Amino acid sequence: MACDLWLVPLVDVLCHSPDNPFHDDLAAYNRALAGAGLPPVPVYSYMPGLSGDVAPVAGFDYDALHFLRRAYLLRLAGLDVTPVDALGGDYTQLLEMFEQSAAGSHLVWHYDHAGAYVPVDFPVPLADDDLLASGGPLGSSHGLLRELEVVAPAIGIDPQHPPVAPPAPAPTALDEPAAPVHDDGPFARERHVWLGLHAAATRSLSQGSMIVFS
């Protein structure tokens, strides 16, 4: 199944609008941030040409996302990162063996189809009853970027000089297949997801946007 990543500009004309479709989500995020002693989701003055529009930034399939999460957990545990063709019991075993590490990871502990990353720096994902009942744990764009840099060498990417990310695909429905991956390497799917998440995280921080899954 396809998974789209969207960038939502955190600008006043959107966030302060009574028609803002993210109003309830932002309120829940701010409550969670306040509960952790953190500042609220930042809202900026709109600047045409800089802030951008609500638009997809990347797309991939759910299995590929889990492939990258598997690679990260292996890397974190100091184990060999080997390519796989399908998700198997070893991934489930990793999640169980390294449950604490998984729950503390912005990359791993995140719902596939909902939730968000916001440009506020905090060490581990935030979760409370409201978040878990709706979009799942709240991640940090800063934290996501740090974890992507950790796993990058294991899948053949130099995090300081990454390849150009694929162009953003047209939005896909949940039951549609993801766009094909144009990479013949052993970690092709992991790399494709990495590049999409990296593009989203860097733009989230540079443009003041939050990242949402759909």
Protein backbone atom coordinates (compact mmCIF):
# COMPACT_ATOMS: atom_id res chain seq x y z
CA MET A 1 0.00 0.00 0.00
CA ALA A 2 1.16 3.50 -0.76
CA CYS A 3 2.15 6.03 1.88
CA ASP A 4 2.37 9.74 1.10
CA LEU A 5 4.34 12.33 3.06
CA TRP A 6 2.93 15.84 3.06
CA LEU A 7 4.47 19.13 4.13
CA VAL A 8 2.09 21.49 5.93
CA PRO A 9 3.47 25.04 6.20
CA LEU A 10 3.15 26.37 9.73
CA VAL A 11 2.07 29.84 8.64
CA ASP A 12 -0.42 32.16 10.24
CA VAL A 13 -2.83 32.29 7.30
CA LEU A 14 -3.33 28.52 7.61
CA CYS A 15 -2.86 27.87 11.33
CA HIS A 16 -5.03 30.80 12.47
CA SER A 17 -7.78 30.21 9.95
CA PRO A 18 -11.11 28.94 11.37
CA ASP A 19 -11.21 26.54 8.41
CA ASN A 20 -7.81 25.03 9.20
CA PRO A 21 -8.27 21.24 8.83
CA PHE A 22 -5.34 20.70 11.21
CA HIS A 23 -6.79 22.83 14.03
CA ASP A 24 -7.61 19.92 16.36
CA ASP A 25 -4.34 18.14 15.58
CA LEU A 26 -2.26 21.23 16.35
CA ALA A 27 -4.12 21.73 19.60
CA ALA A 28 -3.33 18.14 20.61
CA TYR A 29 0.32 18.57 19.63
CA ASN A 30 0.61 21.76 21.68
CA ARG A 31 -0.93 20.08 24.72
CA ALA A 32 1.56 17.23 24.43
CA LEU A 33 4.47 19.65 23.98
CA ALA A 34 3.37 21.74 26.95
CA GLY A 35 3.06 18.60 29.07
CA ALA A 36 6.70 17.82 28.27
CA GLY A 37 7.81 21.37 29.11
CA LEU A 38 8.44 22.21 25.45
CA PRO A 39 7.47 25.25 23.38
CA PRO A 40 4.39 25.04 21.15
CA VAL A 41 4.44 24.25 17.45
CA PRO A 42 5.95 27.39 15.87
CA VAL A 43 3.74 29.50 13.62
CA TYR A 44 5.38 31.91 11.17
CA SER A 45 4.31 34.90 9.17
CA TYR A 46 3.36 33.87 5.64
CA MET A 47 6.00 34.68 3.01
CA PRO A 48 4.99 33.96 -0.61
CA GLY A 49 7.53 31.82 -2.40
CA LEU A 50 9.15 30.60 0.81
CA SER A 51 6.50 28.96 2.97
CA GLY A 52 5.00 26.88 0.16
CA ASP A 53 1.70 25.07 0.01
CA VAL A 54 0.28 21.94 1.60
CA ALA A 55 1.68 19.40 -0.83
CA PRO A 56 3.15 15.89 -1.02
CA VAL A 57 6.92 15.75 -0.69
CA ALA A 58 7.52 12.00 -1.00
CA GLY A 59 5.83 8.65 -1.47
CA PHE A 60 6.70 5.03 -0.81
CA ASP A 61 5.06 1.81 0.31
CA TYR A 62 4.54 0.74 3.90
CA ASP A 63 6.75 -2.34 3.63
CA ALA A 64 9.65 -0.22 2.46
CA LEU A 65 9.17 2.08 5.45
CA HIS A 66 9.43 -0.95 7.75
CA PHE A 67 12.53 -2.13 5.85
CA LEU A 68 14.22 1.17 6.77
CA ARG A 69 13.03 0.90 10.38
CA ARG A 70 14.49 -2.62 10.52
CA ALA A 71 17.82 -1.34 9.20
CA TYR A 72 17.86 1.41 11.84
CA LEU A 73 17.21 -1.01 14.70
CA LEU A 74 19.95 -3.34 13.46
CA ARG A 75 22.36 -0.42 13.16
CA LEU A 76 21.45 0.84 16.63
CA ALA A 77 22.03 -2.61 18.10
CA GLY A 78 25.43 -2.91 16.42
CA LEU A 79 24.27 -5.84 14.26
CA ASP A 80 24.94 -6.41 10.57
CA VAL A 81 22.44 -4.70 8.30
CA THR A 82 21.56 -7.15 5.56
CA PRO A 83 19.05 -6.67 2.73
CA VAL A 84 15.78 -8.61 2.73
CA ASP A 85 13.11 -9.21 0.12
CA ALA A 86 10.19 -9.34 2.55
CA LEU A 87 9.41 -8.54 6.16
CA GLY A 88 9.80 -11.62 8.31
CA GLY A 89 9.94 -12.73 11.88
CA ASP A 90 13.32 -11.11 12.45
CA TYR A 91 11.74 -7.64 12.29
CA THR A 92 9.10 -8.57 14.85
CA GLN A 93 11.84 -10.08 17.00
CA LEU A 94 13.88 -6.89 16.74
CA LEU A 95 10.91 -4.81 17.85
CA GLU A 96 10.45 -7.09 20.86
CA MET A 97 14.14 -7.36 21.77
CA PHE A 98 14.77 -3.65 21.46
CA GLU A 99 11.36 -2.40 22.55
CA GLN A 100 12.76 0.49 24.57
CA SER A 101 14.95 1.67 21.69
CA ALA A 102 12.04 1.36 19.26
CA ALA A 103 9.73 3.37 21.53
CA GLY A 104 12.40 6.07 21.80
CA SER A 105 12.92 6.36 18.05
CA HIS A 106 11.30 9.08 15.95
CA LEU A 107 11.77 6.90 12.87
CA VAL A 108 10.47 3.64 14.31
CA TRP A 109 7.76 4.59 16.79
CA HIS A 110 5.31 6.32 14.50
CA TYR A 111 2.00 5.28 13.01
CA ASP A 112 2.25 4.46 9.31
CA HIS A 113 -0.87 6.25 8.19
CA ALA A 114 -1.24 9.21 10.56
CA GLY A 115 0.59 11.40 13.03
CA ALA A 116 3.13 14.11 12.40
CA TYR A 117 6.66 15.40 12.82
CA VAL A 118 6.98 19.01 13.96
CA PRO A 119 10.01 21.35 13.82
CA VAL A 120 10.54 21.30 17.58
CA ASP A 121 13.57 19.50 19.00
CA PHE A 122 12.91 16.85 21.66
CA PRO A 123 14.79 13.62 22.37
CA VAL A 124 12.07 10.94 22.10
CA PRO A 125 8.59 10.83 20.52
CA LEU A 126 5.78 12.26 22.63
CA ALA A 127 2.69 10.21 23.39
CA ASP A 128 -0.37 10.71 25.54
CA ASP A 129 -3.89 9.31 25.46
CA ASP A 130 -5.12 11.96 23.00
CA LEU A 131 -2.25 11.38 20.57
CA LEU A 132 -2.42 7.60 20.71
CA ALA A 133 -6.18 7.67 20.15
CA SER A 134 -5.82 9.72 17.00
CA GLY A 135 -2.61 10.20 15.07
CA GLY A 136 -0.16 8.28 17.21
CA PRO A 137 3.13 9.46 18.73
CA LEU A 138 4.33 12.95 17.85
CA GLY A 139 7.79 13.04 16.32
CA SER A 140 10.44 15.73 16.02
CA SER A 141 11.79 16.67 12.60
CA HIS A 142 15.16 17.26 14.28
CA GLY A 143 15.08 13.80 15.85
CA LEU A 144 14.04 12.15 12.59
CA LEU A 145 16.92 13.81 10.76
CA ARG A 146 19.43 12.65 13.38
CA GLU A 147 18.23 9.05 13.11
CA LEU A 148 18.32 9.13 9.32
CA GLU A 149 21.96 10.20 9.54
CA VAL A 150 22.67 7.24 11.84
CA VAL A 151 21.22 4.61 9.49
CA ALA A 152 22.42 6.16 6.22
CA PRO A 153 25.89 4.49 5.99
CA ALA A 154 24.35 1.05 6.54
CA ILE A 155 22.31 1.38 3.35
CA GLY A 156 25.02 2.99 1.25
CA ILE A 157 24.21 6.69 1.68
CA ASP A 158 26.65 9.41 2.72
CA PRO A 159 24.43 11.56 4.99
CA GLN A 160 26.61 14.61 4.41
CA HIS A 161 26.28 14.31 0.63
CA PRO A 162 23.06 12.37 -0.04
CA PRO A 163 21.76 11.72 -3.55
CA VAL A 164 19.03 13.93 -4.91
CA ALA A 165 15.63 12.85 -3.65
CA PRO A 166 13.14 11.53 -6.20
CA PRO A 167 10.53 14.08 -7.33
CA ALA A 168 7.37 14.12 -5.26
CA PRO A 169 4.76 11.80 -6.77
CA ALA A 170 1.13 12.62 -7.34
CA PRO A 171 -1.00 11.85 -4.27
CA THR A 172 -2.01 8.20 -4.02
CA ALA A 173 -4.95 6.45 -2.41
CA LEU A 174 -4.33 4.07 0.49
CA ASP A 175 -5.09 0.99 -1.60
CA GLU A 176 -2.96 2.09 -4.57
CA PRO A 177 0.54 0.71 -5.14
CA ALA A 178 3.41 3.09 -4.54
CA ALA A 179 5.39 4.47 -7.46
CA PRO A 180 8.16 2.14 -8.70
CA VAL A 181 11.66 2.52 -7.25
CA HIS A 182 14.36 3.27 -9.81
CA ASP A 183 17.32 1.76 -7.98
CA ASP A 184 18.92 -1.62 -8.58
CA GLY A 185 20.95 -1.77 -5.37
CA PRO A 186 20.42 -4.29 -2.55
CA PHE A 187 18.92 -1.58 -0.32
CA ALA A 188 16.89 0.09 -3.06
CA ARG A 189 13.65 0.33 -1.11
CA GLU A 190 15.32 1.49 2.11
CA ARG A 191 17.24 4.15 0.18
CA HIS A 192 14.09 5.37 -1.55
CA VAL A 193 12.30 5.83 1.77
CA TRP A 194 15.40 7.42 3.33
CA LEU A 195 15.62 10.01 0.57
CA GLY A 196 11.93 10.89 0.90
CA LEU A 197 12.08 11.22 4.68
CA HIS A 198 15.32 13.19 4.49
CA ALA A 199 13.82 15.63 1.99
CA ALA A 200 10.77 16.04 4.21
CA ALA A 201 12.80 16.56 7.39
CA THR A 202 15.21 19.08 5.89
CA ARG A 203 12.39 21.07 4.32
CA SER A 204 10.40 20.89 7.55
CA LEU A 205 13.27 22.58 9.36
CA SER A 206 14.26 25.04 6.65
CA GLN A 207 10.72 26.12 5.71
CA GLY A 208 8.95 25.79 9.04
CA SER A 209 6.57 22.98 8.08
CA MET A 210 5.22 19.91 9.79
CA ILE A 211 5.27 16.50 8.13
CA VAL A 212 2.13 14.43 8.04
CA PHE A 213 1.47 10.91 6.76
CA SER A 214 -1.49 9.93 4.63
